[in-house]
Amino acid sequence: MGAGGAGGAGPTGPASASDASAQAGASAAAASTPAPDLAESLRQVGAAGKSSFEAAGDAAKAFRSLFFADVSLARSALGRTIAFAGLAIACGASAWLLLMATLIAFLRGAFGWAWTTSMLAGAALSILVAALASWAAMRYFEHTRLKATRRQLARLGIGELADLTPTPDSPQSAREATENLRERDAAGHPVTDKRGVPVTPP
């Protein structure tokens, strides 16, 4: 029994000693590792902030360069656009005049119309085309009045339409409220806001 007990204690004794020595070594290593210095942490945070600030500055410089390059390109393109638009208008006008002269000569030669009648026919055609072009221009010009933006600003209480549009919490549509708005009331007086500023329908 005594021998058996000694034999059983023999294998566990060295293992326990080795575990204890390993734990002691880990504790010594942990104790020898220096704690992070506050100044070093602040220095790292400052370096990271400086890097972020420099990156933001570089991005702003790149955006500035891109913006000025776009402005320069747009300015150059605008000049060329105006030049070519003028050339197109001149050539189109001359081509239209020649076309009208050809039409007048054709009406005179083919149908025997008088010069006055032939020129009146050409003038009538020109007036018809001008009227259609004017109608299309006015129709598309309506899109330059920023109607939707003005309605939403008025709904927020900004602009001359603020007194004539529903409040932001109203379920009524601002478009429906301003759709039938007229520049003059039933008496023929201009529609104005509370400050007396004339209201332009959106």
C-alpha atoms as a PDB file:
ATOM      1  CA  MET A   1       0.000   0.000   0.000  1.00  0.00           C
ATOM      2  CA  GLY A   2       2.798   2.363   0.933  1.00  0.00           C
ATOM      3  CA  ALA A   3       4.692   1.460  -2.183  1.00  0.00           C
ATOM      4  CA  GLY A   4       1.586   1.876  -4.319  1.00  0.00           C
ATOM      5  CA  GLY A   5       0.901   5.283  -2.795  1.00  0.00           C
ATOM      6  CA  ALA A   6       4.460   6.330  -3.428  1.00  0.00           C
ATOM      7  CA  GLY A   7       4.225   5.006  -6.953  1.00  0.00           C
ATOM      8  CA  GLY A   8       1.005   7.020  -7.587  1.00  0.00           C
ATOM      9  CA  ALA A   9       2.462  10.213  -6.238  1.00  0.00           C
ATOM     10  CA  GLY A  10       5.568   9.819  -8.293  1.00  0.00           C
ATOM     11  CA  PRO A  11       4.064  10.631 -11.754  1.00  0.00           C
ATOM     12  CA  THR A  12       1.921  13.546 -10.570  1.00  0.00           C
ATOM     13  CA  GLY A  13       4.630  15.311  -8.670  1.00  0.00           C
ATOM     14  CA  PRO A  14       6.803  16.412 -11.677  1.00  0.00           C
ATOM     15  CA  ALA A  15       3.705  17.431 -13.676  1.00  0.00           C
ATOM     16  CA  SER A  16       2.484  19.680 -10.895  1.00  0.00           C
ATOM     17  CA  ALA A  17       5.901  21.216 -10.586  1.00  0.00           C
ATOM     18  CA  SER A  18       6.101  21.901 -14.340  1.00  0.00           C
ATOM     19  CA  ASP A  19       2.613  23.513 -14.360  1.00  0.00           C
ATOM     20  CA  ALA A  20       3.540  25.719 -11.473  1.00  0.00           C
ATOM     21  CA  SER A  21       6.769  26.764 -13.163  1.00  0.00           C
ATOM     22  CA  ALA A  22       4.879  27.550 -16.404  1.00  0.00           C
ATOM     23  CA  GLN A  23       2.363  29.710 -14.555  1.00  0.00           C
ATOM     24  CA  ALA A  24       5.160  31.477 -12.770  1.00  0.00           C
ATOM     25  CA  GLY A  25       6.899  32.140 -16.096  1.00  0.00           C
ATOM     26  CA  ALA A  26       3.706  33.548 -17.640  1.00  0.00           C
ATOM     27  CA  SER A  27       3.194  35.790 -14.634  1.00  0.00           C
ATOM     28  CA  ALA A  28       6.764  37.011 -14.864  1.00  0.00           C
ATOM     29  CA  ALA A  29       6.372  37.719 -18.592  1.00  0.00           C
ATOM     30  CA  ALA A  30       3.142  39.618 -17.990  1.00  0.00           C
ATOM     31  CA  ALA A  31       4.794  41.607 -15.236  1.00  0.00           C
ATOM     32  CA  SER A  32       7.793  42.400 -17.444  1.00  0.00           C
ATOM     33  CA  THR A  33       5.531  43.755 -20.295  1.00  0.00           C
ATOM     34  CA  PRO A  34       5.349  47.542 -19.868  1.00  0.00           C
ATOM     35  CA  ALA A  35       1.896  49.113 -19.601  1.00  0.00           C
ATOM     36  CA  PRO A  36       0.922  51.409 -22.517  1.00  0.00           C
ATOM     37  CA  ASP A  37       2.126  54.925 -21.935  1.00  0.00           C
ATOM     38  CA  LEU A  38      -0.544  57.694 -21.985  1.00  0.00           C
ATOM     39  CA  ALA A  39       1.739  60.043 -23.876  1.00  0.00           C
ATOM     40  CA  GLU A  40       2.405  57.385 -26.494  1.00  0.00           C
ATOM     41  CA  SER A  41      -1.324  56.770 -26.890  1.00  0.00           C
ATOM     42  CA  LEU A  42      -1.950  60.482 -27.281  1.00  0.00           C
ATOM     43  CA  ARG A  43       0.848  60.676 -29.834  1.00  0.00           C
ATOM     44  CA  GLN A  44      -0.716  57.872 -31.862  1.00  0.00           C
ATOM     45  CA  VAL A  45      -4.142  59.510 -31.714  1.00  0.00           C
ATOM     46  CA  GLY A  46      -2.628  62.802 -32.810  1.00  0.00           C
ATOM     47  CA  ALA A  47      -0.781  61.124 -35.656  1.00  0.00           C
ATOM     48  CA  ALA A  48      -3.990  59.451 -36.813  1.00  0.00           C
ATOM     49  CA  GLY A  49      -5.853  62.766 -36.638  1.00  0.00           C
ATOM     50  CA  LYS A  50      -3.077  64.497 -38.564  1.00  0.00           C
ATOM     51  CA  SER A  51      -3.185  61.803 -41.241  1.00  0.00           C
ATOM     52  CA  SER A  52      -6.964  62.166 -41.512  1.00  0.00           C
ATOM     53  CA  PHE A  53      -6.661  65.957 -41.760  1.00  0.00           C
ATOM     54  CA  GLU A  54      -4.007  65.650 -44.461  1.00  0.00           C
ATOM     55  CA  ALA A  55      -6.166  63.181 -46.375  1.00  0.00           C
ATOM     56  CA  ALA A  56      -9.143  65.556 -46.144  1.00  0.00           C
ATOM     57  CA  GLY A  57      -6.931  68.413 -47.345  1.00  0.00           C
ATOM     58  CA  ASP A  58      -5.695  66.362 -50.282  1.00  0.00           C
ATOM     59  CA  ALA A  59      -9.273  65.439 -51.180  1.00  0.00           C
ATOM     60  CA  ALA A  60     -10.307  69.106 -50.997  1.00  0.00           C
ATOM     61  CA  LYS A  61      -7.389  70.114 -53.221  1.00  0.00           C
ATOM     62  CA  ALA A  62      -8.270  67.417 -55.725  1.00  0.00           C
ATOM     63  CA  PHE A  63     -11.914  68.522 -55.736  1.00  0.00           C
ATOM     64  CA  ARG A  64     -10.815  72.155 -56.164  1.00  0.00           C
ATOM     65  CA  SER A  65      -8.619  71.216 -59.117  1.00  0.00           C
ATOM     66  CA  LEU A  66     -11.444  69.191 -60.642  1.00  0.00           C
ATOM     67  CA  PHE A  67     -13.927  72.046 -60.141  1.00  0.00           C
ATOM     68  CA  PHE A  68     -11.675  74.649 -61.751  1.00  0.00           C
ATOM     69  CA  ALA A  69     -10.871  72.261 -64.600  1.00  0.00           C
ATOM     70  CA  ASP A  70     -14.594  71.751 -65.175  1.00  0.00           C
ATOM     71  CA  VAL A  71     -15.219  75.506 -65.071  1.00  0.00           C
ATOM     72  CA  SER A  72     -12.421  76.106 -67.545  1.00  0.00           C
ATOM     73  CA  LEU A  73     -13.734  73.389 -69.834  1.00  0.00           C
ATOM     74  CA  ALA A  74     -17.283  74.740 -69.575  1.00  0.00           C
ATOM     75  CA  ARG A  75     -16.117  78.286 -70.332  1.00  0.00           C
ATOM     76  CA  SER A  76     -14.196  77.129 -73.360  1.00  0.00           C
ATOM     77  CA  ALA A  77     -17.081  74.941 -74.494  1.00  0.00           C
ATOM     78  CA  LEU A  78     -19.546  77.815 -74.029  1.00  0.00           C
ATOM     79  CA  GLY A  79     -17.569  80.051 -76.353  1.00  0.00           C
ATOM     80  CA  ARG A  80     -17.339  77.369 -79.006  1.00  0.00           C
ATOM     81  CA  THR A  81     -21.029  76.545 -78.550  1.00  0.00           C
ATOM     82  CA  ILE A  82     -22.013  80.168 -79.122  1.00  0.00           C
ATOM     83  CA  ALA A  83     -19.762  80.392 -82.177  1.00  0.00           C
ATOM     84  CA  PHE A  84     -21.127  77.229 -83.770  1.00  0.00           C
ATOM     85  CA  ALA A  85     -24.691  78.133 -82.781  1.00  0.00           C
ATOM     86  CA  GLY A  86     -24.282  81.477 -84.558  1.00  0.00           C
ATOM     87  CA  LEU A  87     -22.888  79.730 -87.614  1.00  0.00           C
ATOM     88  CA  ALA A  88     -25.787  77.253 -87.570  1.00  0.00           C
ATOM     89  CA  ILE A  89     -28.328  80.074 -87.295  1.00  0.00           C
ATOM     90  CA  ALA A  90     -26.737  81.985 -90.164  1.00  0.00           C
ATOM     91  CA  CYS A  91     -26.606  78.940 -92.411  1.00  0.00           C
ATOM     92  CA  GLY A  92     -30.123  77.884 -91.416  1.00  0.00           C
ATOM     93  CA  ALA A  93     -31.499  81.368 -92.132  1.00  0.00           C
ATOM     94  CA  SER A  94     -29.799  81.547 -95.501  1.00  0.00           C
ATOM     95  CA  ALA A  95     -30.986  78.044 -96.371  1.00  0.00           C
ATOM     96  CA  TRP A  96     -34.534  78.975 -95.394  1.00  0.00           C
ATOM     97  CA  LEU A  97     -34.418  82.103 -97.555  1.00  0.00           C
ATOM     98  CA  LEU A  98     -33.147  80.112-100.510  1.00  0.00           C
ATOM     99  CA  LEU A  99     -35.839  77.499 -99.902  1.00  0.00           C
ATOM    100  CA  MET A 100     -38.532  80.174 -99.871  1.00  0.00           C
ATOM    101  CA  ALA A 101     -37.105  81.688-103.079  1.00  0.00           C
ATOM    102  CA  THR A 102     -37.175  78.256-104.696  1.00  0.00           C
ATOM    103  CA  LEU A 103     -40.763  77.711-103.533  1.00  0.00           C
ATOM    104  CA  ILE A 104     -41.836  81.082-104.907  1.00  0.00           C
ATOM    105  CA  ALA A 105     -40.173  80.377-108.250  1.00  0.00           C
ATOM    106  CA  PHE A 106     -41.793  76.945-108.348  1.00  0.00           C
ATOM    107  CA  LEU A 107     -45.261  78.338-107.629  1.00  0.00           C
ATOM    108  CA  ARG A 108     -44.711  81.006-110.243  1.00  0.00           C
ATOM    109  CA  GLY A 109     -43.474  78.614-112.930  1.00  0.00           C
ATOM    110  CA  ALA A 110     -45.551  75.484-112.253  1.00  0.00           C
ATOM    111  CA  PHE A 111     -48.883  77.002-111.352  1.00  0.00           C
ATOM    112  CA  GLY A 112     -48.578  80.389-112.973  1.00  0.00           C
ATOM    113  CA  TRP A 113     -49.215  82.251-109.727  1.00  0.00           C
ATOM    114  CA  ALA A 114     -48.458  85.922-109.564  1.00  0.00           C
ATOM    115  CA  TRP A 115     -45.279  87.004-107.802  1.00  0.00           C
ATOM    116  CA  THR A 116     -47.288  88.561-105.002  1.00  0.00           C
ATOM    117  CA  THR A 117     -49.322  85.413-104.413  1.00  0.00           C
ATOM    118  CA  SER A 118     -46.237  83.221-104.468  1.00  0.00           C
ATOM    119  CA  MET A 119     -44.403  85.432-101.965  1.00  0.00           C
ATOM    120  CA  LEU A 120     -47.461  85.542 -99.728  1.00  0.00           C
ATOM    121  CA  ALA A 121     -47.561  81.738 -99.730  1.00  0.00           C
ATOM    122  CA  GLY A 122     -43.908  81.605 -98.703  1.00  0.00           C
ATOM    123  CA  ALA A 123     -44.507  84.220 -96.002  1.00  0.00           C
ATOM    124  CA  ALA A 124     -47.519  82.283 -94.685  1.00  0.00           C
ATOM    125  CA  LEU A 125     -45.422  79.128 -94.421  1.00  0.00           C
ATOM    126  CA  SER A 126     -42.694  81.032 -92.572  1.00  0.00           C
ATOM    127  CA  ILE A 127     -45.231  82.514 -90.153  1.00  0.00           C
ATOM    128  CA  LEU A 128     -46.692  79.056 -89.471  1.00  0.00           C
ATOM    129  CA  VAL A 129     -43.250  77.597 -88.691  1.00  0.00           C
ATOM    130  CA  ALA A 130     -42.414  80.618 -86.498  1.00  0.00           C
ATOM    131  CA  ALA A 131     -45.679  80.217 -84.566  1.00  0.00           C
ATOM    132  CA  LEU A 132     -45.053  76.516 -83.951  1.00  0.00           C
ATOM    133  CA  ALA A 133     -41.480  77.220 -82.829  1.00  0.00           C
ATOM    134  CA  SER A 134     -42.663  80.000 -80.487  1.00  0.00           C
ATOM    135  CA  TRP A 135     -45.278  77.704 -78.965  1.00  0.00           C
ATOM    136  CA  ALA A 136     -42.680  74.986 -78.375  1.00  0.00           C
ATOM    137  CA  ALA A 137     -40.252  77.508 -76.857  1.00  0.00           C
ATOM    138  CA  MET A 138     -42.874  78.833 -74.440  1.00  0.00           C
ATOM    139  CA  ARG A 139     -43.914  75.294 -73.550  1.00  0.00           C
ATOM    140  CA  TYR A 140     -40.377  74.261 -72.676  1.00  0.00           C
ATOM    141  CA  PHE A 141     -39.664  77.596 -70.985  1.00  0.00           C
ATOM    142  CA  GLU A 142     -42.249  76.671 -68.353  1.00  0.00           C
ATOM    143  CA  HIS A 143     -39.843  74.017 -67.094  1.00  0.00           C
ATOM    144  CA  THR A 144     -37.301  76.723 -66.142  1.00  0.00           C
ATOM    145  CA  ARG A 145     -39.556  78.184 -63.442  1.00  0.00           C
ATOM    146  CA  LEU A 146     -38.572  75.550 -60.833  1.00  0.00           C
ATOM    147  CA  LYS A 147     -42.198  74.811 -60.082  1.00  0.00           C
ATOM    148  CA  ALA A 148     -41.693  71.783 -57.841  1.00  0.00           C
ATOM    149  CA  THR A 149     -38.931  73.486 -55.839  1.00  0.00           C
ATOM    150  CA  ARG A 150     -41.022  76.622 -55.340  1.00  0.00           C
ATOM    151  CA  ARG A 151     -43.974  74.545 -54.186  1.00  0.00           C
ATOM    152  CA  GLN A 152     -41.921  72.671 -51.621  1.00  0.00           C
ATOM    153  CA  LEU A 153     -40.252  75.857 -50.357  1.00  0.00           C
ATOM    154  CA  ALA A 154     -43.674  77.464 -50.050  1.00  0.00           C
ATOM    155  CA  ARG A 155     -44.893  74.443 -48.099  1.00  0.00           C
ATOM    156  CA  LEU A 156     -42.036  75.089 -45.660  1.00  0.00           C
ATOM    157  CA  GLY A 157     -43.078  78.758 -45.343  1.00  0.00           C
ATOM    158  CA  ILE A 158     -40.473  80.215 -47.715  1.00  0.00           C
ATOM    159  CA  GLY A 159     -41.328  82.476 -50.631  1.00  0.00           C
ATOM    160  CA  GLU A 160     -44.337  84.432 -51.824  1.00  0.00           C
ATOM    161  CA  LEU A 161     -46.465  81.285 -52.160  1.00  0.00           C
ATOM    162  CA  ALA A 162     -46.175  80.402 -48.466  1.00  0.00           C
ATOM    163  CA  ASP A 163     -49.570  81.899 -47.592  1.00  0.00           C
ATOM    164  CA  LEU A 164     -51.303  80.086 -50.441  1.00  0.00           C
ATOM    165  CA  THR A 165     -50.016  76.544 -49.946  1.00  0.00           C
ATOM    166  CA  PRO A 166     -50.863  73.948 -47.269  1.00  0.00           C
ATOM    167  CA  THR A 167     -48.666  73.464 -44.222  1.00  0.00           C
ATOM    168  CA  PRO A 168     -46.104  70.635 -44.071  1.00  0.00           C
ATOM    169  CA  ASP A 169     -48.389  68.485 -41.882  1.00  0.00           C
ATOM    170  CA  SER A 170     -51.348  68.874 -44.242  1.00  0.00           C
ATOM    171  CA  PRO A 171     -52.300  65.864 -46.394  1.00  0.00           C
ATOM    172  CA  GLN A 172     -53.262  68.173 -49.251  1.00  0.00           C
ATOM    173  CA  SER A 173     -50.907  68.271 -52.199  1.00  0.00           C
ATOM    174  CA  ALA A 174     -49.092  71.545 -52.809  1.00  0.00           C
ATOM    175  CA  ARG A 175     -49.460  70.989 -56.533  1.00  0.00           C
ATOM    176  CA  GLU A 176     -53.227  70.704 -56.236  1.00  0.00           C
ATOM    177  CA  ALA A 177     -53.368  73.809 -54.057  1.00  0.00           C
ATOM    178  CA  THR A 178     -51.440  75.935 -56.546  1.00  0.00           C
ATOM    179  CA  GLU A 179     -52.737  74.384 -59.748  1.00  0.00           C
ATOM    180  CA  ASN A 180     -55.670  76.778 -60.054  1.00  0.00           C
ATOM    181  CA  LEU A 181     -53.843  79.794 -58.674  1.00  0.00           C
ATOM    182  CA  ARG A 182     -54.248  82.882 -60.832  1.00  0.00           C
ATOM    183  CA  GLU A 183     -52.219  86.066 -61.002  1.00  0.00           C
ATOM    184  CA  ARG A 184     -55.366  88.165 -60.499  1.00  0.00           C
ATOM    185  CA  ASP A 185     -58.369  87.715 -58.269  1.00  0.00           C
ATOM    186  CA  ALA A 186     -62.040  87.996 -59.230  1.00  0.00           C
ATOM    187  CA  ALA A 187     -61.906  91.797 -58.981  1.00  0.00           C
ATOM    188  CA  GLY A 188     -58.976  91.974 -61.365  1.00  0.00           C
ATOM    189  CA  HIS A 189     -56.418  92.932 -58.713  1.00  0.00           C
ATOM    190  CA  PRO A 190     -53.044  91.162 -58.569  1.00  0.00           C
ATOM    191  CA  VAL A 191     -52.828  88.364 -56.012  1.00  0.00           C
ATOM    192  CA  THR A 192     -50.357  89.337 -53.279  1.00  0.00           C
ATOM    193  CA  ASP A 193     -49.019  87.791 -50.111  1.00  0.00           C
ATOM    194  CA  LYS A 194     -49.365  89.312 -46.636  1.00  0.00           C
ATOM    195  CA  ARG A 195     -46.519  91.736 -47.371  1.00  0.00           C
ATOM    196  CA  GLY A 196     -48.114  92.940 -50.581  1.00  0.00           C
ATOM    197  CA  VAL A 197     -45.670  91.198 -52.919  1.00  0.00           C
ATOM    198  CA  PRO A 198     -47.352  90.014 -56.142  1.00  0.00           C
ATOM    199  CA  VAL A 199     -47.550  86.243 -56.362  1.00  0.00           C
ATOM    200  CA  THR A 200     -46.314  84.473 -59.482  1.00  0.00           C
ATOM    201  CA  PRO A 201     -48.099  81.141 -59.939  1.00  0.00           C
ATOM    202  CA  PRO A 202     -45.725  78.168 -60.022  1.00  0.00           C
END
